[in-house]
Amino acid sequence: MKSKPTSLLRSPNTMPIQTLIDQKSLARVLGVHSKTISRWRSVGKIPQPFILDANRPYWSSQQIERWQLYDRSPVQPQEHTQTLADKV
């Protein structure tokens, strides 16, 4: 009698399945615009994503959690050095 293969979800020797986060969702979680995520990618400020379908980036939830805990420098809003009155 053959034994049934163990499910990856139930096997104690496998890693848990990771949740993938798309760029729009990641921006929402981090409280920034989606274009900010694109800029951060281009300058290496955020971990590189997986490119899965239609050239869309995805990050693993664990990858982002590690980045937030260990690698992320605080994101500060840009200071406005010029007021509207200064422009007139």
C-alpha atoms as a PDB file:
ATOM      1  CA  MET A   1       0.000   0.000   0.000  1.00  0.00           C
ATOM      2  CA  LYS A   2       1.406   3.369  -1.058  1.00  0.00           C
ATOM      3  CA  SER A   3       1.458   6.195   1.438  1.00  0.00           C
ATOM      4  CA  LYS A   4      -0.220   9.426   0.455  1.00  0.00           C
ATOM      5  CA  PRO A   5       2.071  12.429  -0.120  1.00  0.00           C
ATOM      6  CA  THR A   6       2.093  14.879   2.738  1.00  0.00           C
ATOM      7  CA  SER A   7       0.521  18.223   1.954  1.00  0.00           C
ATOM      8  CA  LEU A   8       2.957  21.127   1.978  1.00  0.00           C
ATOM      9  CA  LEU A   9       0.519  23.044   4.135  1.00  0.00           C
ATOM     10  CA  ARG A  10       0.484  20.334   6.792  1.00  0.00           C
ATOM     11  CA  SER A  11       4.072  19.190   6.803  1.00  0.00           C
ATOM     12  CA  PRO A  12       5.974  20.355   9.885  1.00  0.00           C
ATOM     13  CA  ASN A  13       9.225  20.487   7.893  1.00  0.00           C
ATOM     14  CA  THR A  14       8.168  23.108   5.368  1.00  0.00           C
ATOM     15  CA  MET A  15       8.100  26.862   5.519  1.00  0.00           C
ATOM     16  CA  PRO A  16       4.739  28.599   5.831  1.00  0.00           C
ATOM     17  CA  ILE A  17       3.180  29.943   2.676  1.00  0.00           C
ATOM     18  CA  GLN A  18       3.960  33.621   2.215  1.00  0.00           C
ATOM     19  CA  THR A  19       1.415  36.240   1.323  1.00  0.00           C
ATOM     20  CA  LEU A  20       2.304  38.325  -1.721  1.00  0.00           C
ATOM     21  CA  ILE A  21       1.573  42.056  -1.699  1.00  0.00           C
ATOM     22  CA  ASP A  22       1.154  44.096  -4.874  1.00  0.00           C
ATOM     23  CA  GLN A  23       2.474  47.632  -5.249  1.00  0.00           C
ATOM     24  CA  LYS A  24      -0.847  49.366  -4.639  1.00  0.00           C
ATOM     25  CA  SER A  25      -1.486  47.397  -1.444  1.00  0.00           C
ATOM     26  CA  LEU A  26       2.068  47.968  -0.228  1.00  0.00           C
ATOM     27  CA  ALA A  27       1.692  51.711  -0.772  1.00  0.00           C
ATOM     28  CA  ARG A  28      -1.539  51.674   1.226  1.00  0.00           C
ATOM     29  CA  VAL A  29       0.087  49.731   4.080  1.00  0.00           C
ATOM     30  CA  LEU A  30       3.067  52.111   4.202  1.00  0.00           C
ATOM     31  CA  GLY A  31       0.893  55.224   3.867  1.00  0.00           C
ATOM     32  CA  VAL A  32       2.540  56.470   0.678  1.00  0.00           C
ATOM     33  CA  HIS A  33       1.524  56.847  -2.968  1.00  0.00           C
ATOM     34  CA  SER A  34       2.105  53.981  -5.382  1.00  0.00           C
ATOM     35  CA  LYS A  35       4.519  56.161  -7.374  1.00  0.00           C
ATOM     36  CA  THR A  36       6.595  56.581  -4.207  1.00  0.00           C
ATOM     37  CA  ILE A  37       7.040  52.813  -4.122  1.00  0.00           C
ATOM     38  CA  SER A  38       8.256  52.966  -7.752  1.00  0.00           C
ATOM     39  CA  ARG A  39      10.770  55.671  -6.882  1.00  0.00           C
ATOM     40  CA  TRP A  40      11.976  53.747  -3.835  1.00  0.00           C
ATOM     41  CA  ARG A  41      12.469  50.666  -6.041  1.00  0.00           C
ATOM     42  CA  SER A  42      14.551  52.622  -8.537  1.00  0.00           C
ATOM     43  CA  VAL A  43      16.922  53.955  -5.857  1.00  0.00           C
ATOM     44  CA  GLY A  44      17.083  50.750  -3.824  1.00  0.00           C
ATOM     45  CA  LYS A  45      15.280  52.104  -0.770  1.00  0.00           C
ATOM     46  CA  ILE A  46      12.889  49.149  -0.674  1.00  0.00           C
ATOM     47  CA  PRO A  47      13.572  45.430  -1.239  1.00  0.00           C
ATOM     48  CA  GLN A  48      13.415  44.277  -4.831  1.00  0.00           C
ATOM     49  CA  PRO A  49      10.086  42.638  -5.672  1.00  0.00           C
ATOM     50  CA  PHE A  50       9.208  39.457  -7.505  1.00  0.00           C
ATOM     51  CA  ILE A  51       7.941  40.131 -11.026  1.00  0.00           C
ATOM     52  CA  LEU A  52       5.200  37.596 -11.663  1.00  0.00           C
ATOM     53  CA  ASP A  53       2.560  38.518 -14.199  1.00  0.00           C
ATOM     54  CA  ALA A  54       2.303  41.316 -16.738  1.00  0.00           C
ATOM     55  CA  ASN A  55       5.487  42.853 -15.345  1.00  0.00           C
ATOM     56  CA  ARG A  56       3.761  43.662 -12.025  1.00  0.00           C
ATOM     57  CA  PRO A  57       5.870  43.703  -8.859  1.00  0.00           C
ATOM     58  CA  TYR A  58       4.960  41.715  -5.749  1.00  0.00           C
ATOM     59  CA  TRP A  59       6.665  41.553  -2.366  1.00  0.00           C
ATOM     60  CA  SER A  60       6.390  38.783   0.185  1.00  0.00           C
ATOM     61  CA  SER A  61       4.853  39.860   3.459  1.00  0.00           C
ATOM     62  CA  GLN A  62       7.828  38.394   5.330  1.00  0.00           C
ATOM     63  CA  GLN A  63      10.271  40.344   3.156  1.00  0.00           C
ATOM     64  CA  ILE A  64       8.474  43.617   3.950  1.00  0.00           C
ATOM     65  CA  GLU A  65       8.222  42.805   7.660  1.00  0.00           C
ATOM     66  CA  ARG A  66      11.981  42.177   7.829  1.00  0.00           C
ATOM     67  CA  TRP A  67      12.643  45.381   5.917  1.00  0.00           C
ATOM     68  CA  GLN A  68      10.430  47.377   8.282  1.00  0.00           C
ATOM     69  CA  LEU A  69      12.089  45.892  11.366  1.00  0.00           C
ATOM     70  CA  TYR A  70      15.740  45.976  10.366  1.00  0.00           C
ATOM     71  CA  ASP A  71      16.519  47.940   7.219  1.00  0.00           C
ATOM     72  CA  ARG A  72      14.009  50.724   6.853  1.00  0.00           C
ATOM     73  CA  SER A  73      15.151  54.202   7.661  1.00  0.00           C
ATOM     74  CA  PRO A  74      12.286  56.365   8.874  1.00  0.00           C
ATOM     75  CA  VAL A  75      10.375  57.955   6.041  1.00  0.00           C
ATOM     76  CA  GLN A  76      10.041  61.639   6.665  1.00  0.00           C
ATOM     77  CA  PRO A  77       7.648  63.858   4.748  1.00  0.00           C
ATOM     78  CA  GLN A  78       9.473  66.376   2.626  1.00  0.00           C
ATOM     79  CA  GLU A  79       9.771  69.717   4.322  1.00  0.00           C
ATOM     80  CA  HIS A  80       8.324  72.598   2.395  1.00  0.00           C
ATOM     81  CA  THR A  81      10.999  75.235   2.376  1.00  0.00           C
ATOM     82  CA  GLN A  82       8.938  77.718   0.488  1.00  0.00           C
ATOM     83  CA  THR A  83       5.485  78.923   1.491  1.00  0.00           C
ATOM     84  CA  LEU A  84       2.854  80.248  -0.833  1.00  0.00           C
ATOM     85  CA  ALA A  85       3.601  83.786   0.410  1.00  0.00           C
ATOM     86  CA  ASP A  86       7.266  83.334  -0.544  1.00  0.00           C
ATOM     87  CA  LYS A  87       6.302  82.448  -4.101  1.00  0.00           C
ATOM     88  CA  VAL A  88       4.427  85.714  -4.691  1.00  0.00           C
END
